[in-house]
PDB file of N, CA and C in Angstrom:
ATOM      1  N   UNK A   1     158.491-174.633  24.427  1.00  0.00           N
ATOM      2  CA  UNK A   1     160.462-174.603  24.009  1.00  0.00           C
ATOM      3  C   UNK A   1     161.300-175.605  24.394  1.00  0.00           C
ATOM      4  N   UNK A   2     161.410-176.545  23.026  1.00  0.00           N
ATOM      5  CA  UNK A   2     161.685-178.341  23.088  1.00  0.00           C
ATOM      6  C   UNK A   2     162.767-178.282  22.797  1.00  0.00           C
ATOM      7  N   UNK A   3     163.959-180.012  23.930  1.00  0.00           N
ATOM      8  CA  UNK A   3     164.819-179.571  24.033  1.00  0.00           C
ATOM      9  C   UNK A   3     165.837-179.165  22.777  1.00  0.00           C
ATOM     10  N   UNK A   4     166.698-178.841  23.030  1.00  0.00           N
ATOM     11  CA  UNK A   4     168.364-178.684  21.770  1.00  0.00           C
ATOM     12  C   UNK A   4     169.226-179.072  22.086  1.00  0.00           C
ATOM     13  N   UNK A   5     169.666-179.969  21.525  1.00  0.00           N
ATOM     14  CA  UNK A   5     171.271-180.966  21.678  1.00  0.00           C
ATOM     15  C   UNK A   5     172.032-180.742  20.992  1.00  0.00           C
ATOM     16  N   UNK A   6     173.133-179.541  20.143  1.00  0.00           N
ATOM     17  CA  UNK A   6     174.079-179.300  18.942  1.00  0.00           C
ATOM     18  C   UNK A   6     175.550-180.270  19.409  1.00  0.00           C
ATOM     19  N   UNK A   7     175.818-180.902  18.596  1.00  0.00           N
ATOM     20  CA  UNK A   7     176.709-181.452  18.174  1.00  0.00           C
ATOM     21  C   UNK A   7     177.161-181.255  17.485  1.00  0.00           C
ATOM     22  N   UNK A   8     178.901-181.016  17.081  1.00  0.00           N
ATOM     23  CA  UNK A   8     179.191-181.735  15.526  1.00  0.00           C
ATOM     24  C   UNK A   8     180.316-182.963  15.617  1.00  0.00           C
ATOM     25  N   UNK A   9     179.757-183.379  14.257  1.00  0.00           N
ATOM     26  CA  UNK A   9     179.590-184.287  13.549  1.00  0.00           C
ATOM     27  C   UNK A   9     180.508-184.044  12.312  1.00  0.00           C
ATOM     28  N   UNK A  10     181.518-184.981  12.353  1.00  0.00           N
ATOM     29  CA  UNK A  10     182.227-184.679  11.049  1.00  0.00           C
ATOM     30  C   UNK A  10     182.306-183.461  10.005  1.00  0.00           C
ATOM     31  N   UNK A  11     182.659-182.722  11.108  1.00  0.00           N
ATOM     32  CA  UNK A  11     182.591-181.310  10.888  1.00  0.00           C
ATOM     33  C   UNK A  11     181.746-180.080  10.300  1.00  0.00           C
ATOM     34  N   UNK A  12     180.712-180.875  10.882  1.00  0.00           N
ATOM     35  CA  UNK A  12     179.027-180.129  10.930  1.00  0.00           C
ATOM     36  C   UNK A  12     178.675-180.165  11.868  1.00  0.00           C
ATOM     37  N   UNK A  13     177.196-178.742  12.564  1.00  0.00           N
ATOM     38  CA  UNK A  13     176.735-178.580  13.079  1.00  0.00           C
ATOM     39  C   UNK A  13     175.426-179.416  12.525  1.00  0.00           C
ATOM     40  N   UNK A  14     175.160-180.677  13.707  1.00  0.00           N
ATOM     41  CA  UNK A  14     173.216-181.211  13.809  1.00  0.00           C
ATOM     42  C   UNK A  14     172.901-180.656  15.581  1.00  0.00           C
ATOM     43  N   UNK A  15     171.689-180.434  14.759  1.00  0.00           N
ATOM     44  CA  UNK A  15     171.109-180.097  15.760  1.00  0.00           C
ATOM     45  C   UNK A  15     170.105-181.488  16.532  1.00  0.00           C
ATOM     46  N   UNK A  16     169.334-181.756  17.961  1.00  0.00           N
ATOM     47  CA  UNK A  16     168.567-182.902  18.108  1.00  0.00           C
ATOM     48  C   UNK A  16     167.599-182.604  19.242  1.00  0.00           C
ATOM     49  N   UNK A  17     166.160-182.758  19.217  1.00  0.00           N
ATOM     50  CA  UNK A  17     165.323-182.528  20.012  1.00  0.00           C
ATOM     51  C   UNK A  17     165.111-183.529  20.627  1.00  0.00           C
ATOM     52  N   UNK A  18     165.532-184.426  21.137  1.00  0.00           N
ATOM     53  CA  UNK A  18     165.337-185.795  21.825  1.00  0.00           C
ATOM     54  C   UNK A  18     166.682-186.555  21.883  1.00  0.00           C
ATOM     55  N   UNK A  19     166.954-186.508  23.091  1.00  0.00           N
ATOM     56  CA  UNK A  19     168.486-187.345  23.491  1.00  0.00           C
ATOM     57  C   UNK A  19     168.460-188.423  23.199  1.00  0.00           C
ATOM     58  N   UNK A  20     167.957-189.806  23.305  1.00  0.00           N
ATOM     59  CA  UNK A  20     168.253-190.638  22.736  1.00  0.00           C
ATOM     60  C   UNK A  20     168.317-190.956  21.517  1.00  0.00           C
ATOM     61  N   UNK A  21     168.266-189.631  20.303  1.00  0.00           N
ATOM     62  CA  UNK A  21     168.768-189.651  18.759  1.00  0.00           C
ATOM     63  C   UNK A  21     170.367-189.177  19.223  1.00  0.00           C
ATOM     64  N   UNK A  22     170.877-188.956  19.686  1.00  0.00           N
ATOM     65  CA  UNK A  22     171.681-188.404  19.541  1.00  0.00           C
ATOM     66  C   UNK A  22     173.353-189.215  19.011  1.00  0.00           C
ATOM     67  N   UNK A  23     174.122-189.398  18.290  1.00  0.00           N
ATOM     68  CA  UNK A  23     174.657-190.311  18.052  1.00  0.00           C
ATOM     69  C   UNK A  23     176.000-191.361  19.038  1.00  0.00           C
ATOM     70  N   UNK A  24     176.714-192.378  19.439  1.00  0.00           N
ATOM     71  CA  UNK A  24     176.956-192.261  20.559  1.00  0.00           C
ATOM     72  C   UNK A  24     178.375-192.466  20.597  1.00  0.00           C
ATOM     73  N   UNK A  25     178.677-191.708  19.279  1.00  0.00           N
ATOM     74  CA  UNK A  25     180.298-191.079  19.476  1.00  0.00           C
ATOM     75  C   UNK A  25     179.975-189.703  17.843  1.00  0.00           C
ATOM     76  N   UNK A  26     180.755-188.608  18.395  1.00  0.00           N
ATOM     77  CA  UNK A  26     180.336-187.432  17.669  1.00  0.00           C
ATOM     78  C   UNK A  26     182.024-186.735  17.819  1.00  0.00           C
ATOM     79  N   UNK A  27     182.023-185.398  17.709  1.00  0.00           N
ATOM     80  CA  UNK A  27     182.925-185.145  17.953  1.00  0.00           C
ATOM     81  C   UNK A  27     183.721-183.967  18.589  1.00  0.00           C
ATOM     82  N   UNK A  28     182.175-183.513  19.355  1.00  0.00           N
ATOM     83  CA  UNK A  28     182.120-181.867  20.490  1.00  0.00           C
ATOM     84  C   UNK A  28     180.659-181.977  20.648  1.00  0.00           C
ATOM     85  N   UNK A  29     179.783-181.337  21.558  1.00  0.00           N
ATOM     86  CA  UNK A  29     179.167-181.127  22.104  1.00  0.00           C
ATOM     87  C   UNK A  29     179.140-179.498  22.503  1.00  0.00           C
ATOM     88  N   UNK A  30     178.137-179.252  20.918  1.00  0.00           N
ATOM     89  CA  UNK A  30     178.171-177.893  20.824  1.00  0.00           C
ATOM     90  C   UNK A  30     176.996-177.127  22.115  1.00  0.00           C
ATOM     91  N   UNK A  31     176.002-177.649  22.152  1.00  0.00           N
ATOM     92  CA  UNK A  31     174.844-176.712  22.579  1.00  0.00           C
ATOM     93  C   UNK A  31     174.468-178.585  23.686  1.00  0.00           C
ATOM     94  N   UNK A  32     173.924-177.298  24.743  1.00  0.00           N
ATOM     95  CA  UNK A  32     173.107-178.997  25.393  1.00  0.00           C
ATOM     96  C   UNK A  32     171.700-177.902  26.570  1.00  0.00           C
ATOM     97  N   UNK A  33     170.687-177.877  25.730  1.00  0.00           N
ATOM     98  CA  UNK A  33     169.825-176.676  26.678  1.00  0.00           C
ATOM     99  C   UNK A  33     168.417-178.490  26.631  1.00  0.00           C
ATOM    100  N   UNK A  34     168.646-178.776  27.901  1.00  0.00           N
ATOM    101  CA  UNK A  34     167.230-179.715  28.262  1.00  0.00           C
ATOM    102  C   UNK A  34     165.838-178.085  27.928  1.00  0.00           C
ATOM    103  N   UNK A  35     165.080-179.272  27.888  1.00  0.00           N
ATOM    104  CA  UNK A  35     163.348-178.400  28.119  1.00  0.00           C
ATOM    105  C   UNK A  35     162.909-178.465  30.149  1.00  0.00           C
ATOM    106  N   UNK A  36     163.611-176.932  30.613  1.00  0.00           N
ATOM    107  CA  UNK A  36     162.707-176.868  31.147  1.00  0.00           C
ATOM    108  C   UNK A  36     161.143-176.263  31.598  1.00  0.00           C
ATOM    109  N   UNK A  37     160.391-176.916  31.868  1.00  0.00           N
ATOM    110  CA  UNK A  37     159.174-176.467  32.316  1.00  0.00           C
ATOM    111  C   UNK A  37     158.814-175.744  33.057  1.00  0.00           C
ATOM    112  N   UNK A  38     157.396-175.128  32.961  1.00  0.00           N
ATOM    113  CA  UNK A  38     157.331-173.233  33.178  1.00  0.00           C
ATOM    114  C   UNK A  38     157.181-173.582  35.338  1.00  0.00           C
ATOM    115  N   UNK A  39     156.793-173.518  36.191  1.00  0.00           N
ATOM    116  CA  UNK A  39     156.852-174.060  37.339  1.00  0.00           C
ATOM    117  C   UNK A  39     155.216-173.693  37.526  1.00  0.00           C
ATOM    118  N   UNK A  40     154.492-174.707  38.821  1.00  0.00           N
ATOM    119  CA  UNK A  40     155.330-175.062  39.664  1.00  0.00           C
ATOM    120  C   UNK A  40     155.002-176.798  38.911  1.00  0.00           C
ATOM    121  N   UNK A  41     156.595-177.366  39.370  1.00  0.00           N
ATOM    122  CA  UNK A  41     156.857-178.301  38.559  1.00  0.00           C
ATOM    123  C   UNK A  41     156.092-180.205  39.264  1.00  0.00           C
ATOM    124  N   UNK A  42     155.499-180.300  38.727  1.00  0.00           N
ATOM    125  CA  UNK A  42     155.735-182.677  38.918  1.00  0.00           C
ATOM    126  C   UNK A  42     156.158-183.186  40.185  1.00  0.00           C
ATOM    127  N   UNK A  43     155.893-184.255  40.415  1.00  0.00           N
ATOM    128  CA  UNK A  43     157.425-184.737  41.221  1.00  0.00           C
ATOM    129  C   UNK A  43     157.973-185.786  39.425  1.00  0.00           C
ATOM    130  N   UNK A  44     157.259-186.192  39.217  1.00  0.00           N
ATOM    131  CA  UNK A  44     158.013-187.220  37.606  1.00  0.00           C
ATOM    132  C   UNK A  44     158.823-185.732  37.382  1.00  0.00           C
ATOM    133  N   UNK A  45     158.218-184.257  36.310  1.00  0.00           N
ATOM    134  CA  UNK A  45     159.168-183.229  36.633  1.00  0.00           C
ATOM    135  C   UNK A  45     160.558-182.729  37.144  1.00  0.00           C
ATOM    136  N   UNK A  46     160.706-183.232  38.376  1.00  0.00           N
ATOM    137  CA  UNK A  46     161.503-182.833  39.229  1.00  0.00           C
ATOM    138  C   UNK A  46     162.711-183.694  38.522  1.00  0.00           C
ATOM    139  N   UNK A  47     162.218-185.402  38.907  1.00  0.00           N
ATOM    140  CA  UNK A  47     162.344-186.810  38.960  1.00  0.00           C
ATOM    141  C   UNK A  47     163.510-186.251  37.317  1.00  0.00           C
ATOM    142  N   UNK A  48     162.629-185.901  36.055  1.00  0.00           N
ATOM    143  CA  UNK A  48     163.450-186.129  34.645  1.00  0.00           C
ATOM    144  C   UNK A  48     164.802-184.660  35.066  1.00  0.00           C
ATOM    145  N   UNK A  49     164.183-183.773  35.683  1.00  0.00           N
ATOM    146  CA  UNK A  49     164.912-182.431  35.209  1.00  0.00           C
ATOM    147  C   UNK A  49     166.146-183.206  36.007  1.00  0.00           C
ATOM    148  N   UNK A  50     166.244-183.806  37.275  1.00  0.00           N
ATOM    149  CA  UNK A  50     167.140-184.274  38.615  1.00  0.00           C
ATOM    150  C   UNK A  50     168.748-185.073  36.761  1.00  0.00           C
ATOM    151  N   UNK A  51     168.235-185.895  36.319  1.00  0.00           N
ATOM    152  CA  UNK A  51     168.425-186.266  35.600  1.00  0.00           C
ATOM    153  C   UNK A  51     169.665-185.943  34.667  1.00  0.00           C
ATOM    154  N   UNK A  52     169.483-184.548  34.085  1.00  0.00           N
ATOM    155  CA  UNK A  52     169.737-183.946  33.137  1.00  0.00           C
ATOM    156  C   UNK A  52     171.206-183.626  33.511  1.00  0.00           C
ATOM    157  N   UNK A  53     171.955-183.937  34.633  1.00  0.00           N
ATOM    158  CA  UNK A  53     173.282-183.029  34.578  1.00  0.00           C
ATOM    159  C   UNK A  53     173.910-184.868  34.656  1.00  0.00           C
ATOM    160  N   UNK A  54     173.864-185.642  34.963  1.00  0.00           N
ATOM    161  CA  UNK A  54     174.395-186.601  33.983  1.00  0.00           C
ATOM    162  C   UNK A  54     174.159-187.643  33.214  1.00  0.00           C
ATOM    163  N   UNK A  55     173.570-186.568  31.948  1.00  0.00           N
ATOM    164  CA  UNK A  55     172.749-186.601  30.657  1.00  0.00           C
ATOM    165  C   UNK A  55     174.252-186.157  30.108  1.00  0.00           C
ATOM    166  N   UNK A  56     174.712-185.025  29.736  1.00  0.00           N
ATOM    167  CA  UNK A  56     175.394-183.761  29.923  1.00  0.00           C
ATOM    168  C   UNK A  56     176.309-184.332  30.268  1.00  0.00           C
ATOM    169  N   UNK A  57     177.409-185.109  30.860  1.00  0.00           N
ATOM    170  CA  UNK A  57     178.877-185.827  31.608  1.00  0.00           C
ATOM    171  C   UNK A  57     178.466-187.320  30.970  1.00  0.00           C
ATOM    172  N   UNK A  58     177.974-187.578  30.501  1.00  0.00           N
ATOM    173  CA  UNK A  58     177.862-188.684  29.302  1.00  0.00           C
ATOM    174  C   UNK A  58     177.725-188.450  27.472  1.00  0.00           C
ATOM    175  N   UNK A  59     177.192-187.299  28.052  1.00  0.00           N
ATOM    176  CA  UNK A  59     177.295-186.995  26.545  1.00  0.00           C
ATOM    177  C   UNK A  59     179.527-185.950  26.477  1.00  0.00           C
ATOM    178  N   UNK A  60     179.681-185.839  27.460  1.00  0.00           N
ATOM    179  CA  UNK A  60     181.241-185.509  26.815  1.00  0.00           C
ATOM    180  C   UNK A  60     181.685-186.498  27.172  1.00  0.00           C
ATOM    181  N   UNK A  61     181.076-186.993  27.611  1.00  0.00           N
ATOM    182  CA  UNK A  61     182.742-188.643  27.954  1.00  0.00           C
ATOM    183  C   UNK A  61     182.379-189.367  26.270  1.00  0.00           C
ATOM    184  N   UNK A  62     181.403-189.060  25.582  1.00  0.00           N
ATOM    185  CA  UNK A  62     181.423-189.580  24.418  1.00  0.00           C
ATOM    186  C   UNK A  62     181.896-188.164  22.999  1.00  0.00           C
ATOM    187  N   UNK A  63     182.471-187.760  23.385  1.00  0.00           N
ATOM    188  CA  UNK A  63     182.718-186.786  23.065  1.00  0.00           C
ATOM    189  C   UNK A  63     184.883-187.473  22.095  1.00  0.00           C
ATOM    190  N   UNK A  64     184.808-187.514  20.848  1.00  0.00           N
ATOM    191  CA  UNK A  64     186.562-187.859  20.142  1.00  0.00           C
ATOM    192  C   UNK A  64     187.338-187.227  20.255  1.00  0.00           C
ATOM    193  N   UNK A  65     186.395-185.285  20.095  1.00  0.00           N
ATOM    194  CA  UNK A  65     187.190-184.318  19.905  1.00  0.00           C
ATOM    195  C   UNK A  65     187.372-184.575  18.678  1.00  0.00           C
ATOM    196  N   UNK A  66     187.086-184.637  17.613  1.00  0.00           N
ATOM    197  CA  UNK A  66     187.580-185.255  16.363  1.00  0.00           C
ATOM    198  C   UNK A  66     188.467-185.604  15.947  1.00  0.00           C
ATOM    199  N   UNK A  67     188.489-186.210  16.998  1.00  0.00           N
ATOM    200  CA  UNK A  67     189.667-187.979  16.805  1.00  0.00           C
ATOM    201  C   UNK A  67     189.025-189.058  16.068  1.00  0.00           C
TER     202      UNK A  67
END
């Protein structure tokens, strides 16, 4: 499974698989599904997974809600 991030941008749903590709401003965050590897997880995988909550909060701040 790959990451799946869906945003509403100018009235259209746009899907990204790379978090860094998401534009700085968009209408709404529709779907936030980061890839979670099968266990057991390495230390590096845990460190990455620990960042996803903050990344989602950051995306929510970037929403313009269509304005």
